[in-house]
Amino acid sequence: MMIRRLIFSAALATAVLALSACGDKPQEMNQAGVKQDSAPYHGVGQSQYANTGWKPGDKTSWEQQLKTRAQYGQNDYTRMGNSK
């Protein structure tokens, strides 16, 4: 009788633990107070870290700065020149 009670208690505890994992509440992305991102070319305004040729809010100057950076700033072949 004691063993049955022990097995029943263990089975009940296992069932409770297994079902407790199902109690997760859904998380919504658009809760009150969540700030939505703006377009990247809007920037944060005038900053000492902003590139001199870029004007915040100007999409064409943003794209031109990205193109220039990709071509000359991040391309090792153009930065090193012809070292053949």
C-alpha atoms as a PDB file:
ATOM      1  CA  MET A   1       0.000   0.000   0.000  1.00  0.00           C
ATOM      2  CA  MET A   2       2.857   2.340   0.841  1.00  0.00           C
ATOM      3  CA  ILE A   3       4.620   1.602  -2.464  1.00  0.00           C
ATOM      4  CA  ARG A   4       1.474   2.371  -4.465  1.00  0.00           C
ATOM      5  CA  ARG A   5       1.113   5.699  -2.708  1.00  0.00           C
ATOM      6  CA  LEU A   6       4.776   6.504  -3.413  1.00  0.00           C
ATOM      7  CA  ILE A   7       4.441   5.588  -7.111  1.00  0.00           C
ATOM      8  CA  PHE A   8       1.189   7.570  -7.383  1.00  0.00           C
ATOM      9  CA  SER A   9       2.834  10.614  -5.751  1.00  0.00           C
ATOM     10  CA  ALA A  10       5.833  10.388  -8.058  1.00  0.00           C
ATOM     11  CA  ALA A  11       3.572  10.081 -11.130  1.00  0.00           C
ATOM     12  CA  LEU A  12       1.467  13.018  -9.953  1.00  0.00           C
ATOM     13  CA  ALA A  13       4.564  15.175  -9.359  1.00  0.00           C
ATOM     14  CA  THR A  14       5.903  14.276 -12.811  1.00  0.00           C
ATOM     15  CA  ALA A  15       2.574  15.185 -14.428  1.00  0.00           C
ATOM     16  CA  VAL A  16       2.458  18.525 -12.612  1.00  0.00           C
ATOM     17  CA  LEU A  17       6.018  19.368 -13.672  1.00  0.00           C
ATOM     18  CA  ALA A  18       5.363  18.345 -17.261  1.00  0.00           C
ATOM     19  CA  LEU A  19       2.197  20.436 -17.494  1.00  0.00           C
ATOM     20  CA  SER A  20       3.754  23.469 -15.819  1.00  0.00           C
ATOM     21  CA  ALA A  21       5.951  23.975 -18.877  1.00  0.00           C
ATOM     22  CA  CYS A  22       2.826  24.605 -20.953  1.00  0.00           C
ATOM     23  CA  GLY A  23       1.941  27.750 -19.016  1.00  0.00           C
ATOM     24  CA  ASP A  24       4.001  30.192 -21.086  1.00  0.00           C
ATOM     25  CA  LYS A  25       2.154  33.436 -21.820  1.00  0.00           C
ATOM     26  CA  PRO A  26       2.198  34.802 -25.381  1.00  0.00           C
ATOM     27  CA  GLN A  27       4.476  37.798 -25.942  1.00  0.00           C
ATOM     28  CA  GLU A  28       3.288  40.508 -28.290  1.00  0.00           C
ATOM     29  CA  MET A  29       5.684  42.699 -30.253  1.00  0.00           C
ATOM     30  CA  ASN A  30       3.501  45.813 -30.327  1.00  0.00           C
ATOM     31  CA  GLN A  31       3.005  46.484 -26.653  1.00  0.00           C
ATOM     32  CA  ALA A  32       2.370  49.992 -25.366  1.00  0.00           C
ATOM     33  CA  GLY A  33       5.549  52.004 -25.068  1.00  0.00           C
ATOM     34  CA  VAL A  34       7.522  50.137 -27.742  1.00  0.00           C
ATOM     35  CA  LYS A  35       9.283  52.554 -30.083  1.00  0.00           C
ATOM     36  CA  GLN A  36       9.202  51.579 -33.739  1.00  0.00           C
ATOM     37  CA  ASP A  37      12.400  52.006 -35.735  1.00  0.00           C
ATOM     38  CA  SER A  38      12.645  54.641 -38.414  1.00  0.00           C
ATOM     39  CA  ALA A  39      14.482  54.382 -41.689  1.00  0.00           C
ATOM     40  CA  PRO A  40      18.275  54.204 -41.234  1.00  0.00           C
ATOM     41  CA  TYR A  41      18.922  57.278 -43.365  1.00  0.00           C
ATOM     42  CA  HIS A  42      17.055  59.469 -40.859  1.00  0.00           C
ATOM     43  CA  GLY A  43      19.921  59.072 -38.405  1.00  0.00           C
ATOM     44  CA  VAL A  44      20.031  60.669 -34.977  1.00  0.00           C
ATOM     45  CA  GLY A  45      20.577  64.228 -36.117  1.00  0.00           C
ATOM     46  CA  GLN A  46      23.840  66.116 -36.176  1.00  0.00           C
ATOM     47  CA  SER A  47      26.535  64.193 -34.395  1.00  0.00           C
ATOM     48  CA  GLN A  48      30.287  64.498 -34.155  1.00  0.00           C
ATOM     49  CA  TYR A  49      30.486  60.947 -35.483  1.00  0.00           C
ATOM     50  CA  ALA A  50      28.406  61.586 -38.612  1.00  0.00           C
ATOM     51  CA  ASN A  51      30.263  61.725 -41.899  1.00  0.00           C
ATOM     52  CA  THR A  52      30.637  65.257 -43.269  1.00  0.00           C
ATOM     53  CA  GLY A  53      29.013  64.553 -46.651  1.00  0.00           C
ATOM     54  CA  TRP A  54      25.883  63.016 -45.168  1.00  0.00           C
ATOM     55  CA  LYS A  55      22.768  64.984 -44.282  1.00  0.00           C
ATOM     56  CA  PRO A  56      20.285  63.302 -41.881  1.00  0.00           C
ATOM     57  CA  GLY A  57      17.040  62.446 -43.664  1.00  0.00           C
ATOM     58  CA  ASP A  58      18.537  62.575 -47.181  1.00  0.00           C
ATOM     59  CA  LYS A  59      18.210  59.091 -48.653  1.00  0.00           C
ATOM     60  CA  THR A  60      20.374  59.723 -51.725  1.00  0.00           C
ATOM     61  CA  SER A  61      23.324  61.049 -49.720  1.00  0.00           C
ATOM     62  CA  TRP A  62      22.936  58.059 -47.360  1.00  0.00           C
ATOM     63  CA  GLU A  63      23.111  55.627 -50.271  1.00  0.00           C
ATOM     64  CA  GLN A  64      26.088  57.491 -51.756  1.00  0.00           C
ATOM     65  CA  GLN A  65      27.963  57.326 -48.437  1.00  0.00           C
ATOM     66  CA  LEU A  66      27.273  53.571 -48.166  1.00  0.00           C
ATOM     67  CA  LYS A  67      28.488  53.022 -51.724  1.00  0.00           C
ATOM     68  CA  THR A  68      31.656  55.045 -51.096  1.00  0.00           C
ATOM     69  CA  ARG A  69      32.346  53.264 -47.819  1.00  0.00           C
ATOM     70  CA  ALA A  70      31.903  49.846 -49.406  1.00  0.00           C
ATOM     71  CA  GLN A  71      34.158  50.740 -52.344  1.00  0.00           C
ATOM     72  CA  TYR A  72      37.016  52.545 -50.595  1.00  0.00           C
ATOM     73  CA  GLY A  73      36.743  51.931 -46.868  1.00  0.00           C
ATOM     74  CA  GLN A  74      36.047  48.220 -46.702  1.00  0.00           C
ATOM     75  CA  ASN A  75      37.633  46.931 -49.900  1.00  0.00           C
ATOM     76  CA  ASP A  76      41.188  45.817 -49.116  1.00  0.00           C
ATOM     77  CA  TYR A  77      42.152  45.665 -52.788  1.00  0.00           C
ATOM     78  CA  THR A  78      41.476  49.351 -53.372  1.00  0.00           C
ATOM     79  CA  ARG A  79      42.993  50.450 -50.056  1.00  0.00           C
ATOM     80  CA  MET A  80      46.295  48.631 -50.653  1.00  0.00           C
ATOM     81  CA  GLY A  81      46.655  49.802 -54.237  1.00  0.00           C
ATOM     82  CA  ASN A  82      48.627  47.906 -56.851  1.00  0.00           C
ATOM     83  CA  SER A  83      51.401  46.159 -54.947  1.00  0.00           C
ATOM     84  CA  LYS A  84      52.253  43.664 -57.681  1.00  0.00           C
END
